Structures are given as C-alpha cells and as structure tokens.
Amino acid sequence: MKKKIYSYSILLLVFIALGYLYQNVIKKNIFEESNFKKYQPSYEYKSGKDLLFIYFGSPFCGYCNSPEMPKMIEKSKFLAKAVADSTSANFTTQGVAISWSPEKGYDHLSKFGNFDELTLGRSWFNSSALKYIHIDLPSDEVGKVPQVLLVTREIIFKKGEKKNTYKVLNEKEYLRLEGYDEIKNFTERKVNK
C-alpha cells in the first residue's frame, strides 16, 4: 500500500511539474512568438537604389546558434529596412549559410525568418562568401560568423518583349557587423560606424 501511495505521489508531482512548465515556459514562448514581427519579402522587381542586407551564419558556430541570435537578426532586418526607406531605396535580404551541406545550411537559416534569397553549401567557397567576404568587398578577408553586411547598389530591370534585362551596378559596402557583440550593439542602436 505504501508503494502505491509513493508511486501516485511521484506521478502527481510529475504532472504538477509538467503543468508548471506548460504554463510558464511553453505557453509563454508560443505567446512571444505570435507577437514577433517577421520580415516579409516583396516579391517584385524594381529598378533604382537598393540596400542589400546579408546575414552570414553557420550551423557549426556557437554564437550563430545562441538563442537570442534569430531575434537579433530579425530586428537587424527591420533597422536596415528603415535605413532603406529613409533614402527611398529598395530593400533586399539574403541569408548565407557557411556549411558544406546545403541541408544543414538551410536548417540553420530557417531559424532566422524570411529572406529574399538564400545561398547554401560549399562552406567558405559558396558564391556569396567569395563575393562579399573574400573577393569583391573584402573588408573581412578572414571570414567571420555571425556577420551582417549592408551593401548599397543600383538595380536596373527592364522588361522587354522577348527578353528582360537585369543588372546590378556600383555595389559598395555600407556597414559590416562582425560577431555577436557588433550585431547586438546594432540592434540596441549602439553603432559607432
């Protein structure tokens, strides 16, 4: 009889603990997520000035996978979009996963909300890492993640009867945030650049 009472007491404590977790952790997180605004791509071609927001992350980077990083990146998108809006520029986002595996890269980037474009696979040889870190805009020659890069550029789109024309001209680095602390400071508007 004592064993049954003891077993029922343990079972009751487990149910109470699960109830507490649901009320104070799981339900709270669902509530917070439902109020969290996410960036929505525009899905349209527009000629003119453009501000490109690029997030570089990796499924194997500790800071990239910290619990607060997805919200910091999402907030960074909105802060960068405000810069684009203030100069009447278009706004584009790109997520770049530094991983040999496209699948692991996609899983990593899916934690960071919506992007207009994704670049996955080939680790540091991926085309966006080569272009924006190692070759064309190489102010980060070593390669660091997490990283946010803002690039100003000119987009030319002409719709033709038989063929459309697409050009990207005059890409220039506007702002580069390297590492967790610089991204966090940007989201808290403590940027000294």
C-alpha atoms as a PDB file:
ATOM      1  CA  MET A   1       0.000   0.000   0.000  1.00  0.00           C
ATOM      2  CA  LYS A   2       2.855   2.401   0.844  1.00  0.00           C
ATOM      3  CA  LYS A   3       4.473   1.674  -2.559  1.00  0.00           C
ATOM      4  CA  LYS A   4       1.226   2.611  -4.366  1.00  0.00           C
ATOM      5  CA  ILE A   5       0.886   5.862  -2.424  1.00  0.00           C
ATOM      6  CA  TYR A   6       4.540   6.646  -3.102  1.00  0.00           C
ATOM      7  CA  SER A   7       4.101   5.909  -6.855  1.00  0.00           C
ATOM      8  CA  TYR A   8       0.962   8.035  -7.056  1.00  0.00           C
ATOM      9  CA  SER A   9       2.718  10.868  -5.219  1.00  0.00           C
ATOM     10  CA  ILE A  10       5.618  10.797  -7.706  1.00  0.00           C
ATOM     11  CA  LEU A  11       3.172  10.707 -10.629  1.00  0.00           C
ATOM     12  CA  LEU A  12       1.245  13.656  -9.180  1.00  0.00           C
ATOM     13  CA  LEU A  13       4.480  15.649  -8.778  1.00  0.00           C
ATOM     14  CA  VAL A  14       5.414  14.909 -12.404  1.00  0.00           C
ATOM     15  CA  PHE A  15       2.012  16.175 -13.608  1.00  0.00           C
ATOM     16  CA  ILE A  16       2.332  19.311 -11.486  1.00  0.00           C
ATOM     17  CA  ALA A  17       5.829  19.954 -12.874  1.00  0.00           C
ATOM     18  CA  LEU A  18       4.622  19.444 -16.466  1.00  0.00           C
ATOM     19  CA  GLY A  19       1.704  21.794 -15.834  1.00  0.00           C
ATOM     20  CA  TYR A  20       4.072  24.419 -14.478  1.00  0.00           C
ATOM     21  CA  LEU A  21       6.376  24.058 -17.498  1.00  0.00           C
ATOM     22  CA  TYR A  22       3.448  24.394 -19.892  1.00  0.00           C
ATOM     23  CA  GLN A  23       2.036  27.490 -18.184  1.00  0.00           C
ATOM     24  CA  ASN A  24       5.330  29.281 -17.605  1.00  0.00           C
ATOM     25  CA  VAL A  25       7.650  28.173 -20.388  1.00  0.00           C
ATOM     26  CA  ILE A  26       5.977  26.543 -23.377  1.00  0.00           C
ATOM     27  CA  LYS A  27       2.833  28.695 -23.449  1.00  0.00           C
ATOM     28  CA  LYS A  28       4.864  31.859 -22.803  1.00  0.00           C
ATOM     29  CA  ASN A  29       7.206  31.120 -25.734  1.00  0.00           C
ATOM     30  CA  ILE A  30       4.266  30.481 -28.066  1.00  0.00           C
ATOM     31  CA  PHE A  31       2.748  33.792 -26.979  1.00  0.00           C
ATOM     32  CA  GLU A  32       6.006  35.668 -27.511  1.00  0.00           C
ATOM     33  CA  GLU A  33       6.500  34.134 -30.975  1.00  0.00           C
ATOM     34  CA  SER A  34       2.973  35.061 -32.064  1.00  0.00           C
ATOM     35  CA  ASN A  35       3.711  38.731 -31.304  1.00  0.00           C
ATOM     36  CA  PHE A  36       7.111  38.681 -33.010  1.00  0.00           C
ATOM     37  CA  LYS A  37       7.047  40.508 -36.330  1.00  0.00           C
ATOM     38  CA  LYS A  38       8.884  38.805 -39.194  1.00  0.00           C
ATOM     39  CA  TYR A  39      10.285  40.356 -42.348  1.00  0.00           C
ATOM     40  CA  GLN A  40       8.221  39.675 -45.486  1.00  0.00           C
ATOM     41  CA  PRO A  41       9.883  39.763 -48.932  1.00  0.00           C
ATOM     42  CA  SER A  42       8.195  41.989 -51.532  1.00  0.00           C
ATOM     43  CA  TYR A  43       8.460  39.544 -54.479  1.00  0.00           C
ATOM     44  CA  GLU A  44       8.753  42.235 -57.136  1.00  0.00           C
ATOM     45  CA  TYR A  45      11.386  43.630 -59.490  1.00  0.00           C
ATOM     46  CA  LYS A  46      12.196  47.307 -59.086  1.00  0.00           C
ATOM     47  CA  SER A  47      14.868  49.437 -60.683  1.00  0.00           C
ATOM     48  CA  GLY A  48      16.649  52.018 -58.568  1.00  0.00           C
ATOM     49  CA  LYS A  49      18.732  52.256 -55.423  1.00  0.00           C
ATOM     50  CA  ASP A  50      18.805  49.061 -53.366  1.00  0.00           C
ATOM     51  CA  LEU A  51      20.081  48.236 -49.890  1.00  0.00           C
ATOM     52  CA  LEU A  52      21.098  44.590 -49.599  1.00  0.00           C
ATOM     53  CA  PHE A  53      21.068  43.024 -46.122  1.00  0.00           C
ATOM     54  CA  ILE A  54      23.170  39.845 -45.871  1.00  0.00           C
ATOM     55  CA  TYR A  55      23.307  37.555 -42.849  1.00  0.00           C
ATOM     56  CA  PHE A  56      26.258  35.126 -42.793  1.00  0.00           C
ATOM     57  CA  GLY A  57      25.859  32.291 -40.303  1.00  0.00           C
ATOM     58  CA  SER A  58      26.838  28.683 -39.786  1.00  0.00           C
ATOM     59  CA  PRO A  59      25.181  25.666 -38.202  1.00  0.00           C
ATOM     60  CA  PHE A  60      28.554  24.970 -36.530  1.00  0.00           C
ATOM     61  CA  CYS A  61      29.078  28.411 -34.946  1.00  0.00           C
ATOM     62  CA  GLY A  62      28.242  28.750 -31.262  1.00  0.00           C
ATOM     63  CA  TYR A  63      27.313  32.445 -31.428  1.00  0.00           C
ATOM     64  CA  CYS A  64      25.231  31.897 -34.592  1.00  0.00           C
ATOM     65  CA  ASN A  65      23.197  29.329 -32.698  1.00  0.00           C
ATOM     66  CA  SER A  66      22.704  31.297 -29.490  1.00  0.00           C
ATOM     67  CA  PRO A  67      19.011  31.520 -28.538  1.00  0.00           C
ATOM     68  CA  GLU A  68      18.850  35.318 -28.949  1.00  0.00           C
ATOM     69  CA  MET A  69      20.544  35.467 -32.377  1.00  0.00           C
ATOM     70  CA  PRO A  70      17.388  34.824 -34.511  1.00  0.00           C
ATOM     71  CA  LYS A  71      15.569  37.780 -32.933  1.00  0.00           C
ATOM     72  CA  MET A  72      18.683  39.961 -33.227  1.00  0.00           C
ATOM     73  CA  ILE A  73      18.935  39.184 -36.943  1.00  0.00           C
ATOM     74  CA  GLU A  74      15.220  39.804 -37.476  1.00  0.00           C
ATOM     75  CA  LYS A  75      15.455  43.141 -35.659  1.00  0.00           C
ATOM     76  CA  SER A  76      18.541  43.996 -37.737  1.00  0.00           C
ATOM     77  CA  LYS A  77      16.500  43.431 -40.909  1.00  0.00           C
ATOM     78  CA  PHE A  78      13.889  45.945 -39.774  1.00  0.00           C
ATOM     79  CA  LEU A  79      16.507  48.509 -38.714  1.00  0.00           C
ATOM     80  CA  ALA A  80      18.235  48.154 -42.098  1.00  0.00           C
ATOM     81  CA  LYS A  81      14.882  48.413 -43.901  1.00  0.00           C
ATOM     82  CA  ALA A  82      14.258  51.685 -42.069  1.00  0.00           C
ATOM     83  CA  VAL A  83      17.564  52.977 -43.479  1.00  0.00           C
ATOM     84  CA  ALA A  84      16.470  51.905 -46.984  1.00  0.00           C
ATOM     85  CA  ASP A  85      13.055  53.534 -46.542  1.00  0.00           C
ATOM     86  CA  SER A  86      14.634  56.798 -45.339  1.00  0.00           C
ATOM     87  CA  THR A  87      16.604  57.052 -48.602  1.00  0.00           C
ATOM     88  CA  SER A  88      13.780  55.774 -50.858  1.00  0.00           C
ATOM     89  CA  ALA A  89      15.817  52.665 -51.699  1.00  0.00           C
ATOM     90  CA  ASN A  90      14.526  49.187 -52.362  1.00  0.00           C
ATOM     91  CA  PHE A  91      15.396  46.596 -49.718  1.00  0.00           C
ATOM     92  CA  THR A  92      16.580  43.026 -50.257  1.00  0.00           C
ATOM     93  CA  THR A  93      17.665  40.341 -47.798  1.00  0.00           C
ATOM     94  CA  GLN A  94      19.953  37.383 -48.278  1.00  0.00           C
ATOM     95  CA  GLY A  95      20.809  34.543 -45.927  1.00  0.00           C
ATOM     96  CA  VAL A  96      24.169  32.829 -46.407  1.00  0.00           C
ATOM     97  CA  ALA A  97      24.958  29.552 -44.659  1.00  0.00           C
ATOM     98  CA  ILE A  98      28.642  28.748 -44.272  1.00  0.00           C
ATOM     99  CA  SER A  99      28.364  24.965 -44.362  1.00  0.00           C
ATOM    100  CA  TRP A 100      29.438  22.265 -46.775  1.00  0.00           C
ATOM    101  CA  SER A 101      25.972  20.750 -46.530  1.00  0.00           C
ATOM    102  CA  PRO A 102      23.115  22.694 -48.183  1.00  0.00           C
ATOM    103  CA  GLU A 103      20.640  20.789 -45.986  1.00  0.00           C
ATOM    104  CA  LYS A 104      22.356  21.787 -42.728  1.00  0.00           C
ATOM    105  CA  GLY A 105      22.726  25.334 -44.040  1.00  0.00           C
ATOM    106  CA  TYR A 106      19.027  25.523 -44.887  1.00  0.00           C
ATOM    107  CA  ASP A 107      18.075  24.185 -41.447  1.00  0.00           C
ATOM    108  CA  HIS A 108      20.259  26.865 -39.868  1.00  0.00           C
ATOM    109  CA  LEU A 109      18.869  29.753 -41.933  1.00  0.00           C
ATOM    110  CA  SER A 110      15.265  28.651 -41.399  1.00  0.00           C
ATOM    111  CA  LYS A 111      15.625  29.802 -37.760  1.00  0.00           C
ATOM    112  CA  PHE A 112      16.186  33.390 -38.916  1.00  0.00           C
ATOM    113  CA  GLY A 113      12.860  34.255 -40.541  1.00  0.00           C
ATOM    114  CA  ASN A 114      12.296  35.086 -44.178  1.00  0.00           C
ATOM    115  CA  PHE A 115      14.910  36.119 -46.714  1.00  0.00           C
ATOM    116  CA  ASP A 116      14.517  37.165 -50.338  1.00  0.00           C
ATOM    117  CA  GLU A 117      17.372  34.844 -51.291  1.00  0.00           C
ATOM    118  CA  LEU A 118      19.429  32.017 -49.754  1.00  0.00           C
ATOM    119  CA  THR A 119      22.951  30.837 -50.588  1.00  0.00           C
ATOM    120  CA  LEU A 120      23.721  27.349 -49.314  1.00  0.00           C
ATOM    121  CA  GLY A 121      26.573  24.861 -49.427  1.00  0.00           C
ATOM    122  CA  ARG A 122      30.291  24.913 -50.357  1.00  0.00           C
ATOM    123  CA  SER A 123      31.326  26.398 -46.982  1.00  0.00           C
ATOM    124  CA  TRP A 124      33.617  29.435 -47.498  1.00  0.00           C
ATOM    125  CA  PHE A 125      33.684  28.667 -51.236  1.00  0.00           C
ATOM    126  CA  ASN A 126      29.992  29.487 -51.545  1.00  0.00           C
ATOM    127  CA  SER A 127      29.430  32.205 -54.148  1.00  0.00           C
ATOM    128  CA  SER A 128      28.165  34.840 -51.689  1.00  0.00           C
ATOM    129  CA  ALA A 129      31.020  34.251 -49.227  1.00  0.00           C
ATOM    130  CA  LEU A 130      33.517  34.590 -52.061  1.00  0.00           C
ATOM    131  CA  LYS A 131      31.896  37.729 -53.432  1.00  0.00           C
ATOM    132  CA  TYR A 132      31.091  39.615 -50.229  1.00  0.00           C
ATOM    133  CA  ILE A 133      33.863  38.445 -47.911  1.00  0.00           C
ATOM    134  CA  HIS A 134      36.858  37.236 -49.919  1.00  0.00           C
ATOM    135  CA  ILE A 135      36.903  38.903 -53.359  1.00  0.00           C
ATOM    136  CA  ASP A 136      34.668  41.860 -54.283  1.00  0.00           C
ATOM    137  CA  LEU A 137      34.025  43.505 -50.900  1.00  0.00           C
ATOM    138  CA  PRO A 138      36.849  42.037 -48.817  1.00  0.00           C
ATOM    139  CA  SER A 139      36.932  44.117 -45.644  1.00  0.00           C
ATOM    140  CA  ASP A 140      36.616  40.781 -43.802  1.00  0.00           C
ATOM    141  CA  GLU A 141      39.355  38.797 -45.501  1.00  0.00           C
ATOM    142  CA  VAL A 142      39.500  36.046 -42.876  1.00  0.00           C
ATOM    143  CA  GLY A 143      35.792  35.300 -42.740  1.00  0.00           C
ATOM    144  CA  LYS A 144      33.819  35.598 -39.522  1.00  0.00           C
ATOM    145  CA  VAL A 145      30.379  34.444 -38.494  1.00  0.00           C
ATOM    146  CA  PRO A 146      27.914  35.583 -37.403  1.00  0.00           C
ATOM    147  CA  GLN A 147      28.077  38.606 -39.632  1.00  0.00           C
ATOM    148  CA  VAL A 148      25.696  41.166 -41.109  1.00  0.00           C
ATOM    149  CA  LEU A 149      26.668  43.118 -44.197  1.00  0.00           C
ATOM    150  CA  LEU A 150      24.741  46.026 -45.717  1.00  0.00           C
ATOM    151  CA  VAL A 151      25.553  46.777 -49.347  1.00  0.00           C
ATOM    152  CA  THR A 152      24.313  49.738 -51.385  1.00  0.00           C
ATOM    153  CA  ARG A 153      23.841  49.125 -55.099  1.00  0.00           C
ATOM    154  CA  GLU A 154      21.909  50.137 -58.197  1.00  0.00           C
ATOM    155  CA  ILE A 155      19.396  47.720 -59.712  1.00  0.00           C
ATOM    156  CA  ILE A 156      18.416  48.024 -63.372  1.00  0.00           C
ATOM    157  CA  PHE A 157      15.459  45.976 -64.562  1.00  0.00           C
ATOM    158  CA  LYS A 158      13.915  46.428 -67.981  1.00  0.00           C
ATOM    159  CA  LYS A 159      11.026  44.324 -69.172  1.00  0.00           C
ATOM    160  CA  GLY A 160      11.350  43.510 -72.861  1.00  0.00           C
ATOM    161  CA  GLU A 161       9.060  41.849 -75.380  1.00  0.00           C
ATOM    162  CA  LYS A 162      11.370  38.865 -75.832  1.00  0.00           C
ATOM    163  CA  LYS A 163      13.947  39.276 -73.119  1.00  0.00           C
ATOM    164  CA  ASN A 164      14.210  41.040 -69.762  1.00  0.00           C
ATOM    165  CA  THR A 165      17.394  42.846 -68.723  1.00  0.00           C
ATOM    166  CA  TYR A 166      18.790  42.561 -65.193  1.00  0.00           C
ATOM    167  CA  LYS A 167      21.855  44.442 -63.947  1.00  0.00           C
ATOM    168  CA  VAL A 168      23.411  45.171 -60.576  1.00  0.00           C
ATOM    169  CA  LEU A 169      25.855  48.084 -60.557  1.00  0.00           C
ATOM    170  CA  ASN A 170      28.033  50.026 -58.113  1.00  0.00           C
ATOM    171  CA  GLU A 171      27.964  47.664 -55.144  1.00  0.00           C
ATOM    172  CA  LYS A 172      29.563  49.295 -52.098  1.00  0.00           C
ATOM    173  CA  GLU A 173      29.880  48.218 -48.507  1.00  0.00           C
ATOM    174  CA  TYR A 174      27.679  50.415 -46.330  1.00  0.00           C
ATOM    175  CA  LEU A 175      28.080  48.663 -42.968  1.00  0.00           C
ATOM    176  CA  ARG A 176      29.670  45.415 -41.787  1.00  0.00           C
ATOM    177  CA  LEU A 177      28.872  43.968 -38.365  1.00  0.00           C
ATOM    178  CA  GLU A 178      31.256  41.177 -37.412  1.00  0.00           C
ATOM    179  CA  GLY A 179      30.450  38.952 -34.487  1.00  0.00           C
ATOM    180  CA  TYR A 180      27.785  38.641 -31.853  1.00  0.00           C
ATOM    181  CA  ASP A 181      28.640  41.853 -29.959  1.00  0.00           C
ATOM    182  CA  GLU A 182      28.576  44.152 -33.006  1.00  0.00           C
ATOM    183  CA  ILE A 183      25.238  42.709 -34.142  1.00  0.00           C
ATOM    184  CA  LYS A 184      23.816  43.062 -30.635  1.00  0.00           C
ATOM    185  CA  ASN A 185      25.027  46.672 -30.414  1.00  0.00           C
ATOM    186  CA  PHE A 186      23.388  47.400 -33.776  1.00  0.00           C
ATOM    187  CA  THR A 187      20.053  46.018 -32.558  1.00  0.00           C
ATOM    188  CA  GLU A 188      20.405  48.188 -29.475  1.00  0.00           C
ATOM    189  CA  ARG A 189      21.401  51.127 -31.729  1.00  0.00           C
ATOM    190  CA  LYS A 190      24.906  51.450 -30.316  1.00  0.00           C
ATOM    191  CA  VAL A 191      26.716  51.578 -33.655  1.00  0.00           C
ATOM    192  CA  ASN A 192      29.898  53.643 -33.931  1.00  0.00           C
ATOM    193  CA  LYS A 193      30.431  53.151 -37.668  1.00  0.00           C
END
